[in-house]
Amino acid sequence: MIEAYATLAMFTIQILATSVLYPTWFIRYCRVQVTNIPAERLAQLYPGVDVSLAQRRFLALYRALNTAIAVVGLVLLGWLVSYLQRPDWDDGPVEALVSVYFMVQVALPLGLIAWLGVRFNKAHKRAPERKRKAILARRGLFDFVSPFAVSLAVLSYFLFVAYVIYLQQHPFPGFAGLINIGAMTLVYAVQALVVYLVLYGKKANPFETHAGRLRTIGRGVKACVYSCIAAVVFLALNFTLALLDLQRWEPFALSVFLVIIALLSLMGMMAPPRPPEAEGLSSRPTY
């Protein structure tokens, strides 16, 4: 029964990390970001609008939604407590519940943010964007993430490929074979594309300072690299559990993985801002 207790503990942590801790830090992060925008700039873009009041209402809705999701999580936790007491409980329904609930934890708040943002801009944004100074800076991958982390991500991929090839010779029931290599390759390819877009794409937030932009890039790049490593470790661990006939530990491993993903996003908001010089980037303004 130890695997059942471990799963219950990790699902509780998943509820707290994704629907309590993350929203708390996100709200704090949003408040700090707005204070960095000059009041005259806000007045130009949103004439006659109390942006601070609108932000408070937005964050209140965001907090209420996450609170409701956390309550739903507690209800699901109660069901899990009952289900995992059965001697014949199966890991499949538990993994499905943990995965679907995590999607709800992430997708609904993000959807609310996007909907409120689009609605607010459509209703109140009036002034056109003025020309702003651009800062030319040579940016590279290793300016934002250590070579060790990138090397570890690459090594993890090749070790995963070798492990899948080994399992192909010693398969267990339900093993998908070389399809796993294709799936992991797709994960790495998508993350590499995201890294490229984060490094060299256009700035999404026109209010963001150069230092803030560097911090955003660093957060995005690190999240992608670390997510690749986490994905490899999670799948390899799942295969190992199945190989050792320990499938009942898979829901616990899945919940651990999802909590790590949430914390990777949280780390960027918890880190204090760093000046451009601290990033080791040289820059000069241009017009």
C-alpha atoms as a PDB file:
ATOM      1  CA  MET A   1       0.000   0.000   0.000  1.00  0.00           C
ATOM      2  CA  ILE A   2       2.984   2.294   0.193  1.00  0.00           C
ATOM      3  CA  GLU A   3       2.609   3.206  -3.486  1.00  0.00           C
ATOM      4  CA  ALA A   4      -0.996   4.252  -2.842  1.00  0.00           C
ATOM      5  CA  TYR A   5       0.027   6.548   0.031  1.00  0.00           C
ATOM      6  CA  ALA A   6       2.851   7.988  -2.079  1.00  0.00           C
ATOM      7  CA  THR A   7       0.407   8.711  -4.923  1.00  0.00           C
ATOM      8  CA  LEU A   8      -2.020  10.433  -2.559  1.00  0.00           C
ATOM      9  CA  ALA A   9       0.775  12.550  -1.103  1.00  0.00           C
ATOM     10  CA  MET A  10       2.063  13.622  -4.521  1.00  0.00           C
ATOM     11  CA  PHE A  11      -1.419  14.407  -5.828  1.00  0.00           C
ATOM     12  CA  THR A  12      -1.932  16.643  -2.794  1.00  0.00           C
ATOM     13  CA  ILE A  13       1.352  18.402  -3.608  1.00  0.00           C
ATOM     14  CA  GLN A  14       0.200  18.743  -7.233  1.00  0.00           C
ATOM     15  CA  ILE A  15      -2.958  20.524  -6.070  1.00  0.00           C
ATOM     16  CA  LEU A  16      -1.014  22.886  -3.811  1.00  0.00           C
ATOM     17  CA  ALA A  17       1.829  23.563  -6.272  1.00  0.00           C
ATOM     18  CA  THR A  18      -0.246  24.188  -9.395  1.00  0.00           C
ATOM     19  CA  SER A  19      -3.479  25.671  -8.038  1.00  0.00           C
ATOM     20  CA  VAL A  20      -2.251  27.480  -4.907  1.00  0.00           C
ATOM     21  CA  LEU A  21       1.474  28.235  -5.003  1.00  0.00           C
ATOM     22  CA  TYR A  22       1.761  29.007  -8.720  1.00  0.00           C
ATOM     23  CA  PRO A  23      -1.235  31.411  -8.835  1.00  0.00           C
ATOM     24  CA  THR A  24       0.060  33.214  -5.731  1.00  0.00           C
ATOM     25  CA  TRP A  25       3.411  33.898  -7.335  1.00  0.00           C
ATOM     26  CA  PHE A  26       1.828  34.706 -10.702  1.00  0.00           C
ATOM     27  CA  ILE A  27      -0.379  37.359  -9.089  1.00  0.00           C
ATOM     28  CA  ARG A  28       2.637  38.859  -7.360  1.00  0.00           C
ATOM     29  CA  TYR A  29       4.564  38.789 -10.633  1.00  0.00           C
ATOM     30  CA  CYS A  30       1.748  40.590 -12.496  1.00  0.00           C
ATOM     31  CA  ARG A  31       1.608  43.319  -9.879  1.00  0.00           C
ATOM     32  CA  VAL A  32       5.346  43.909 -10.112  1.00  0.00           C
ATOM     33  CA  GLN A  33       5.208  44.002 -13.904  1.00  0.00           C
ATOM     34  CA  VAL A  34       2.498  46.672 -13.947  1.00  0.00           C
ATOM     35  CA  THR A  35       4.404  48.890 -11.499  1.00  0.00           C
ATOM     36  CA  ASN A  36       7.301  48.912 -13.974  1.00  0.00           C
ATOM     37  CA  ILE A  37       5.149  50.492 -16.709  1.00  0.00           C
ATOM     38  CA  PRO A  38       5.220  54.327 -16.750  1.00  0.00           C
ATOM     39  CA  ALA A  39       1.856  55.833 -15.804  1.00  0.00           C
ATOM     40  CA  GLU A  40       1.913  58.191 -18.804  1.00  0.00           C
ATOM     41  CA  ARG A  41       2.388  55.242 -21.142  1.00  0.00           C
ATOM     42  CA  LEU A  42      -0.643  53.483 -19.663  1.00  0.00           C
ATOM     43  CA  ALA A  43      -2.674  56.678 -19.942  1.00  0.00           C
ATOM     44  CA  GLN A  44      -1.695  56.967 -23.612  1.00  0.00           C
ATOM     45  CA  LEU A  45      -2.676  53.410 -24.478  1.00  0.00           C
ATOM     46  CA  TYR A  46      -5.764  53.194 -22.254  1.00  0.00           C
ATOM     47  CA  PRO A  47      -7.188  56.736 -21.971  1.00  0.00           C
ATOM     48  CA  GLY A  48      -9.737  57.186 -19.201  1.00  0.00           C
ATOM     49  CA  VAL A  49      -9.257  53.643 -17.892  1.00  0.00           C
ATOM     50  CA  ASP A  50      -8.200  52.797 -14.357  1.00  0.00           C
ATOM     51  CA  VAL A  51      -5.723  50.064 -15.273  1.00  0.00           C
ATOM     52  CA  SER A  52      -4.947  49.301 -11.627  1.00  0.00           C
ATOM     53  CA  LEU A  53      -8.623  48.656 -10.917  1.00  0.00           C
ATOM     54  CA  ALA A  54      -8.921  46.495 -14.020  1.00  0.00           C
ATOM     55  CA  GLN A  55      -5.878  44.518 -12.923  1.00  0.00           C
ATOM     56  CA  ARG A  56      -7.327  43.934  -9.462  1.00  0.00           C
ATOM     57  CA  ARG A  57     -10.558  42.634 -10.990  1.00  0.00           C
ATOM     58  CA  PHE A  58      -8.655  40.409 -13.397  1.00  0.00           C
ATOM     59  CA  LEU A  59      -6.503  38.953 -10.617  1.00  0.00           C
ATOM     60  CA  ALA A  60      -9.567  38.413  -8.428  1.00  0.00           C
ATOM     61  CA  LEU A  61     -11.172  36.329 -11.188  1.00  0.00           C
ATOM     62  CA  TYR A  62      -7.916  34.461 -11.736  1.00  0.00           C
ATOM     63  CA  ARG A  63      -7.631  33.719  -8.014  1.00  0.00           C
ATOM     64  CA  ALA A  64     -11.259  32.602  -7.790  1.00  0.00           C
ATOM     65  CA  LEU A  65     -10.864  30.224 -10.744  1.00  0.00           C
ATOM     66  CA  ASN A  66      -7.745  28.624  -9.265  1.00  0.00           C
ATOM     67  CA  THR A  67      -9.467  28.309  -5.891  1.00  0.00           C
ATOM     68  CA  ALA A  68     -12.368  26.493  -7.557  1.00  0.00           C
ATOM     69  CA  ILE A  69      -9.925  24.184  -9.365  1.00  0.00           C
ATOM     70  CA  ALA A  70      -8.178  23.460  -6.062  1.00  0.00           C
ATOM     71  CA  VAL A  71     -11.539  22.546  -4.502  1.00  0.00           C
ATOM     72  CA  VAL A  72     -12.226  20.180  -7.403  1.00  0.00           C
ATOM     73  CA  GLY A  73      -8.795  18.674  -6.755  1.00  0.00           C
ATOM     74  CA  LEU A  74      -9.719  18.026  -3.125  1.00  0.00           C
ATOM     75  CA  VAL A  75     -12.895  16.263  -4.273  1.00  0.00           C
ATOM     76  CA  LEU A  76     -10.824  14.105  -6.630  1.00  0.00           C
ATOM     77  CA  LEU A  77      -8.386  13.446  -3.806  1.00  0.00           C
ATOM     78  CA  GLY A  78     -11.282  12.119  -1.722  1.00  0.00           C
ATOM     79  CA  TRP A  79     -12.217   9.766  -4.563  1.00  0.00           C
ATOM     80  CA  LEU A  80      -8.617   8.611  -4.847  1.00  0.00           C
ATOM     81  CA  VAL A  81      -8.481   7.858  -1.132  1.00  0.00           C
ATOM     82  CA  SER A  82     -11.502   5.594  -1.539  1.00  0.00           C
ATOM     83  CA  TYR A  83     -10.342   3.999  -4.792  1.00  0.00           C
ATOM     84  CA  LEU A  84      -6.766   3.293  -3.709  1.00  0.00           C
ATOM     85  CA  GLN A  85      -8.001   1.417  -0.644  1.00  0.00           C
ATOM     86  CA  ARG A  86      -9.336  -1.280  -2.945  1.00  0.00           C
ATOM     87  CA  PRO A  87      -6.900  -4.189  -3.289  1.00  0.00           C
ATOM     88  CA  ASP A  88      -7.631  -4.470  -7.022  1.00  0.00           C
ATOM     89  CA  TRP A  89      -7.090  -0.787  -7.935  1.00  0.00           C
ATOM     90  CA  ASP A  90      -5.573  -0.184 -11.351  1.00  0.00           C
ATOM     91  CA  ASP A  91      -2.972   2.460 -12.231  1.00  0.00           C
ATOM     92  CA  GLY A  92      -4.637   3.351 -15.562  1.00  0.00           C
ATOM     93  CA  PRO A  93      -7.641   5.320 -14.235  1.00  0.00           C
ATOM     94  CA  VAL A  94      -5.438   7.049 -11.667  1.00  0.00           C
ATOM     95  CA  GLU A  95      -2.959   8.202 -14.308  1.00  0.00           C
ATOM     96  CA  ALA A  96      -5.817   9.430 -16.492  1.00  0.00           C
ATOM     97  CA  LEU A  97      -7.318  11.397 -13.604  1.00  0.00           C
ATOM     98  CA  VAL A  98      -3.961  12.951 -12.642  1.00  0.00           C
ATOM     99  CA  SER A  99      -3.252  13.948 -16.263  1.00  0.00           C
ATOM    100  CA  VAL A 100      -6.696  15.386 -17.020  1.00  0.00           C
ATOM    101  CA  TYR A 101      -6.735  17.328 -13.765  1.00  0.00           C
ATOM    102  CA  PHE A 102      -3.328  18.834 -14.534  1.00  0.00           C
ATOM    103  CA  MET A 103      -4.592  19.916 -17.960  1.00  0.00           C
ATOM    104  CA  VAL A 104      -7.521  21.626 -16.224  1.00  0.00           C
ATOM    105  CA  GLN A 105      -5.134  23.274 -13.743  1.00  0.00           C
ATOM    106  CA  VAL A 106      -3.063  24.717 -16.584  1.00  0.00           C
ATOM    107  CA  ALA A 107      -5.476  25.238 -19.484  1.00  0.00           C
ATOM    108  CA  LEU A 108      -8.381  26.963 -17.732  1.00  0.00           C
ATOM    109  CA  PRO A 109      -6.329  29.723 -16.024  1.00  0.00           C
ATOM    110  CA  LEU A 110      -4.313  30.297 -19.204  1.00  0.00           C
ATOM    111  CA  GLY A 111      -7.515  30.499 -21.202  1.00  0.00           C
ATOM    112  CA  LEU A 112      -8.930  33.014 -18.738  1.00  0.00           C
ATOM    113  CA  ILE A 113      -5.779  35.148 -18.997  1.00  0.00           C
ATOM    114  CA  ALA A 114      -5.911  35.145 -22.801  1.00  0.00           C
ATOM    115  CA  TRP A 115      -9.649  35.873 -22.953  1.00  0.00           C
ATOM    116  CA  LEU A 116      -9.521  38.727 -20.448  1.00  0.00           C
ATOM    117  CA  GLY A 117      -6.465  40.240 -22.127  1.00  0.00           C
ATOM    118  CA  VAL A 118      -7.974  40.188 -25.611  1.00  0.00           C
ATOM    119  CA  ARG A 119     -11.308  41.484 -24.333  1.00  0.00           C
ATOM    120  CA  PHE A 120      -9.714  44.335 -22.373  1.00  0.00           C
ATOM    121  CA  ASN A 121      -7.487  45.457 -25.259  1.00  0.00           C
ATOM    122  CA  LYS A 122     -10.343  45.295 -27.743  1.00  0.00           C
ATOM    123  CA  ALA A 123     -12.565  47.424 -25.519  1.00  0.00           C
ATOM    124  CA  HIS A 124     -10.088  49.998 -24.188  1.00  0.00           C
ATOM    125  CA  LYS A 125      -6.854  50.133 -26.158  1.00  0.00           C
ATOM    126  CA  ARG A 126      -6.908  53.279 -28.264  1.00  0.00           C
ATOM    127  CA  ALA A 127      -3.520  54.849 -28.862  1.00  0.00           C
ATOM    128  CA  PRO A 128      -1.278  53.409 -31.595  1.00  0.00           C
ATOM    129  CA  GLU A 129       2.118  52.098 -30.683  1.00  0.00           C
ATOM    130  CA  ARG A 130       4.795  54.752 -30.851  1.00  0.00           C
ATOM    131  CA  LYS A 131       8.241  54.037 -32.185  1.00  0.00           C
ATOM    132  CA  ARG A 132      10.473  52.719 -29.462  1.00  0.00           C
ATOM    133  CA  LYS A 133      14.187  52.316 -29.096  1.00  0.00           C
ATOM    134  CA  ALA A 134      15.504  48.932 -30.027  1.00  0.00           C
ATOM    135  CA  ILE A 135      18.581  47.430 -28.460  1.00  0.00           C
ATOM    136  CA  LEU A 136      20.878  45.344 -30.567  1.00  0.00           C
ATOM    137  CA  ALA A 137      22.448  42.535 -28.574  1.00  0.00           C
ATOM    138  CA  ARG A 138      24.162  39.398 -29.671  1.00  0.00           C
ATOM    139  CA  ARG A 139      22.319  36.595 -27.957  1.00  0.00           C
ATOM    140  CA  GLY A 140      23.255  32.959 -27.885  1.00  0.00           C
ATOM    141  CA  LEU A 141      21.953  29.860 -26.165  1.00  0.00           C
ATOM    142  CA  PHE A 142      24.782  29.740 -23.636  1.00  0.00           C
ATOM    143  CA  ASP A 143      24.117  33.312 -22.568  1.00  0.00           C
ATOM    144  CA  PHE A 144      20.996  32.032 -20.815  1.00  0.00           C
ATOM    145  CA  VAL A 145      21.619  28.399 -19.911  1.00  0.00           C
ATOM    146  CA  SER A 146      24.810  26.608 -18.936  1.00  0.00           C
ATOM    147  CA  PRO A 147      26.615  24.350 -21.434  1.00  0.00           C
ATOM    148  CA  PHE A 148      26.404  21.606 -18.801  1.00  0.00           C
ATOM    149  CA  ALA A 149      22.586  21.707 -18.832  1.00  0.00           C
ATOM    150  CA  VAL A 150      22.462  21.616 -22.635  1.00  0.00           C
ATOM    151  CA  SER A 151      24.995  18.776 -22.738  1.00  0.00           C
ATOM    152  CA  LEU A 152      22.973  16.877 -20.144  1.00  0.00           C
ATOM    153  CA  ALA A 153      19.816  17.309 -22.241  1.00  0.00           C
ATOM    154  CA  VAL A 154      21.591  15.998 -25.366  1.00  0.00           C
ATOM    155  CA  LEU A 155      23.178  13.107 -23.461  1.00  0.00           C
ATOM    156  CA  SER A 156      19.812  12.243 -21.914  1.00  0.00           C
ATOM    157  CA  TYR A 157      18.291  11.958 -25.377  1.00  0.00           C
ATOM    158  CA  PHE A 158      20.925   9.524 -26.649  1.00  0.00           C
ATOM    159  CA  LEU A 159      20.766   7.465 -23.454  1.00  0.00           C
ATOM    160  CA  PHE A 160      17.001   7.303 -23.872  1.00  0.00           C
ATOM    161  CA  VAL A 161      17.405   6.096 -27.468  1.00  0.00           C
ATOM    162  CA  ALA A 162      19.821   3.385 -26.297  1.00  0.00           C
ATOM    163  CA  TYR A 163      17.412   2.355 -23.526  1.00  0.00           C
ATOM    164  CA  VAL A 164      14.488   2.077 -25.946  1.00  0.00           C
ATOM    165  CA  ILE A 165      16.578  -0.046 -28.326  1.00  0.00           C
ATOM    166  CA  TYR A 166      17.464  -2.308 -25.403  1.00  0.00           C
ATOM    167  CA  LEU A 167      13.808  -2.591 -24.387  1.00  0.00           C
ATOM    168  CA  GLN A 168      12.946  -3.424 -27.982  1.00  0.00           C
ATOM    169  CA  GLN A 169      14.945  -6.624 -27.439  1.00  0.00           C
ATOM    170  CA  HIS A 170      13.348  -7.224 -24.013  1.00  0.00           C
ATOM    171  CA  PRO A 171       9.823  -5.794 -24.358  1.00  0.00           C
ATOM    172  CA  PHE A 172       7.172  -5.719 -21.667  1.00  0.00           C
ATOM    173  CA  PRO A 173       3.376  -5.774 -22.267  1.00  0.00           C
ATOM    174  CA  GLY A 174       2.189  -2.486 -23.709  1.00  0.00           C
ATOM    175  CA  PHE A 175       5.641  -1.306 -24.834  1.00  0.00           C
ATOM    176  CA  ALA A 176       5.285   0.822 -27.996  1.00  0.00           C
ATOM    177  CA  GLY A 177       8.766   0.103 -29.315  1.00  0.00           C
ATOM    178  CA  LEU A 178      10.644   2.565 -31.486  1.00  0.00           C
ATOM    179  CA  ILE A 179       7.622   4.873 -31.564  1.00  0.00           C
ATOM    180  CA  ASN A 180       8.915   6.147 -28.237  1.00  0.00           C
ATOM    181  CA  ILE A 181      12.066   7.425 -29.945  1.00  0.00           C
ATOM    182  CA  GLY A 182       9.953   9.282 -32.489  1.00  0.00           C
ATOM    183  CA  ALA A 183       7.817  10.806 -29.749  1.00  0.00           C
ATOM    184  CA  MET A 184      10.832  11.975 -27.769  1.00  0.00           C
ATOM    185  CA  THR A 185      12.463  13.336 -30.929  1.00  0.00           C
ATOM    186  CA  LEU A 186       9.315  15.349 -31.554  1.00  0.00           C
ATOM    187  CA  VAL A 187       9.441  16.695 -27.988  1.00  0.00           C
ATOM    188  CA  TYR A 188      13.045  17.822 -28.464  1.00  0.00           C
ATOM    189  CA  ALA A 189      12.291  19.318 -31.891  1.00  0.00           C
ATOM    190  CA  VAL A 190       9.363  21.340 -30.539  1.00  0.00           C
ATOM    191  CA  GLN A 191      11.413  22.567 -27.588  1.00  0.00           C
ATOM    192  CA  ALA A 192      14.289  23.514 -29.910  1.00  0.00           C
ATOM    193  CA  LEU A 193      11.867  25.533 -32.048  1.00  0.00           C
ATOM    194  CA  VAL A 194      10.529  27.271 -28.949  1.00  0.00           C
ATOM    195  CA  VAL A 195      14.082  28.102 -27.847  1.00  0.00           C
ATOM    196  CA  TYR A 196      14.833  29.622 -31.253  1.00  0.00           C
ATOM    197  CA  LEU A 197      11.658  31.707 -31.194  1.00  0.00           C
ATOM    198  CA  VAL A 198      12.347  32.868 -27.648  1.00  0.00           C
ATOM    199  CA  LEU A 199      15.921  33.849 -28.514  1.00  0.00           C
ATOM    200  CA  TYR A 200      15.304  35.564 -31.841  1.00  0.00           C
ATOM    201  CA  GLY A 201      11.557  36.202 -32.072  1.00  0.00           C
ATOM    202  CA  LYS A 202       9.843  39.551 -31.702  1.00  0.00           C
ATOM    203  CA  LYS A 203       9.191  40.965 -28.258  1.00  0.00           C
ATOM    204  CA  ALA A 204       5.623  40.116 -27.266  1.00  0.00           C
ATOM    205  CA  ASN A 205       5.316  42.695 -24.478  1.00  0.00           C
ATOM    206  CA  PRO A 206       5.923  46.276 -25.736  1.00  0.00           C
ATOM    207  CA  PHE A 207       6.255  47.528 -22.153  1.00  0.00           C
ATOM    208  CA  GLU A 208       9.061  45.156 -21.252  1.00  0.00           C
ATOM    209  CA  THR A 209      12.437  46.696 -20.485  1.00  0.00           C
ATOM    210  CA  HIS A 210      15.673  45.330 -21.909  1.00  0.00           C
ATOM    211  CA  ALA A 211      16.584  43.771 -18.557  1.00  0.00           C
ATOM    212  CA  GLY A 212      13.111  42.284 -18.284  1.00  0.00           C
ATOM    213  CA  ARG A 213      13.372  40.942 -21.824  1.00  0.00           C
ATOM    214  CA  LEU A 214      16.636  39.176 -20.983  1.00  0.00           C
ATOM    215  CA  ARG A 215      15.061  37.690 -17.916  1.00  0.00           C
ATOM    216  CA  THR A 216      12.081  36.439 -19.938  1.00  0.00           C
ATOM    217  CA  ILE A 217      14.381  34.853 -22.511  1.00  0.00           C
ATOM    218  CA  GLY A 218      16.435  33.163 -19.822  1.00  0.00           C
ATOM    219  CA  ARG A 219      13.335  31.798 -18.138  1.00  0.00           C
ATOM    220  CA  GLY A 220      11.947  30.420 -21.395  1.00  0.00           C
ATOM    221  CA  VAL A 221      15.198  28.843 -22.556  1.00  0.00           C
ATOM    222  CA  LYS A 222      15.898  27.179 -19.210  1.00  0.00           C
ATOM    223  CA  ALA A 223      12.347  25.876 -18.970  1.00  0.00           C
ATOM    224  CA  CYS A 224      12.681  24.224 -22.403  1.00  0.00           C
ATOM    225  CA  VAL A 225      16.045  22.614 -21.654  1.00  0.00           C
ATOM    226  CA  TYR A 226      15.017  21.376 -18.223  1.00  0.00           C
ATOM    227  CA  SER A 227      11.679  20.123 -19.564  1.00  0.00           C
ATOM    228  CA  CYS A 228      13.516  17.929 -22.082  1.00  0.00           C
ATOM    229  CA  ILE A 229      15.581  16.389 -19.307  1.00  0.00           C
ATOM    230  CA  ALA A 230      12.493  15.889 -17.133  1.00  0.00           C
ATOM    231  CA  ALA A 231      10.591  14.234 -20.000  1.00  0.00           C
ATOM    232  CA  VAL A 232      13.409  11.742 -20.628  1.00  0.00           C
ATOM    233  CA  VAL A 233      13.738  10.897 -16.947  1.00  0.00           C
ATOM    234  CA  PHE A 234       9.983  10.456 -16.568  1.00  0.00           C
ATOM    235  CA  LEU A 235       9.548   8.128 -19.560  1.00  0.00           C
ATOM    236  CA  ALA A 236      12.659   6.116 -18.711  1.00  0.00           C
ATOM    237  CA  LEU A 237      11.408   5.726 -15.138  1.00  0.00           C
ATOM    238  CA  ASN A 238       7.980   4.637 -16.388  1.00  0.00           C
ATOM    239  CA  PHE A 239       9.576   2.004 -18.612  1.00  0.00           C
ATOM    240  CA  THR A 240      11.685   0.765 -15.719  1.00  0.00           C
ATOM    241  CA  LEU A 241       8.673   0.489 -13.422  1.00  0.00           C
ATOM    242  CA  ALA A 242       6.793  -1.496 -16.058  1.00  0.00           C
ATOM    243  CA  LEU A 243       9.826  -3.705 -16.659  1.00  0.00           C
ATOM    244  CA  LEU A 244      10.048  -4.465 -12.937  1.00  0.00           C
ATOM    245  CA  ASP A 245       6.283  -5.050 -12.691  1.00  0.00           C
ATOM    246  CA  LEU A 246       5.841  -1.954 -10.489  1.00  0.00           C
ATOM    247  CA  GLN A 247       3.172  -0.248 -12.559  1.00  0.00           C
ATOM    248  CA  ARG A 248       1.335   0.941  -9.471  1.00  0.00           C
ATOM    249  CA  TRP A 249       4.149   3.428  -8.902  1.00  0.00           C
ATOM    250  CA  GLU A 250       3.491   5.070 -12.272  1.00  0.00           C
ATOM    251  CA  PRO A 251       0.781   7.487 -11.018  1.00  0.00           C
ATOM    252  CA  PHE A 252       3.214   8.694  -8.362  1.00  0.00           C
ATOM    253  CA  ALA A 253       5.945   9.218 -10.976  1.00  0.00           C
ATOM    254  CA  LEU A 254       3.488  11.048 -13.250  1.00  0.00           C
ATOM    255  CA  SER A 255       2.414  13.422 -10.499  1.00  0.00           C
ATOM    256  CA  VAL A 256       6.064  14.109  -9.618  1.00  0.00           C
ATOM    257  CA  PHE A 257       6.766  14.954 -13.258  1.00  0.00           C
ATOM    258  CA  LEU A 258       3.800  17.330 -13.482  1.00  0.00           C
ATOM    259  CA  VAL A 259       4.799  19.096 -10.267  1.00  0.00           C
ATOM    260  CA  ILE A 260       8.330  19.556 -11.637  1.00  0.00           C
ATOM    261  CA  ILE A 261       6.893  21.125 -14.805  1.00  0.00           C
ATOM    262  CA  ALA A 262       4.850  23.544 -12.689  1.00  0.00           C
ATOM    263  CA  LEU A 263       7.867  24.441 -10.552  1.00  0.00           C
ATOM    264  CA  LEU A 264      10.007  25.071 -13.634  1.00  0.00           C
ATOM    265  CA  SER A 265       7.554  27.786 -14.632  1.00  0.00           C
ATOM    266  CA  LEU A 266       7.426  29.092 -11.087  1.00  0.00           C
ATOM    267  CA  MET A 267      11.186  29.504 -10.769  1.00  0.00           C
ATOM    268  CA  GLY A 268      11.293  32.321 -13.320  1.00  0.00           C
ATOM    269  CA  MET A 269       8.802  34.419 -11.349  1.00  0.00           C
ATOM    270  CA  MET A 270      10.568  33.798  -8.056  1.00  0.00           C
ATOM    271  CA  ALA A 271      14.001  34.834  -9.370  1.00  0.00           C
ATOM    272  CA  PRO A 272      14.889  38.507  -8.818  1.00  0.00           C
ATOM    273  CA  PRO A 273      15.460  40.680 -11.912  1.00  0.00           C
ATOM    274  CA  ARG A 274      19.017  40.926 -13.144  1.00  0.00           C
ATOM    275  CA  PRO A 275      20.572  43.880 -14.951  1.00  0.00           C
ATOM    276  CA  PRO A 276      21.696  43.364 -18.555  1.00  0.00           C
ATOM    277  CA  GLU A 277      25.356  43.478 -17.525  1.00  0.00           C
ATOM    278  CA  ALA A 278      24.789  40.511 -15.242  1.00  0.00           C
ATOM    279  CA  GLU A 279      23.809  38.408 -18.219  1.00  0.00           C
ATOM    280  CA  GLY A 280      27.151  38.959 -19.902  1.00  0.00           C
ATOM    281  CA  LEU A 281      25.554  40.574 -22.977  1.00  0.00           C
ATOM    282  CA  SER A 282      26.890  43.673 -24.662  1.00  0.00           C
ATOM    283  CA  SER A 283      24.334  45.983 -26.182  1.00  0.00           C
ATOM    284  CA  ARG A 284      23.951  49.379 -27.807  1.00  0.00           C
ATOM    285  CA  PRO A 285      20.818  51.395 -28.594  1.00  0.00           C
ATOM    286  CA  THR A 286      19.666  52.051 -32.112  1.00  0.00           C
ATOM    287  CA  TYR A 287      16.700  53.828 -33.655  1.00  0.00           C
END
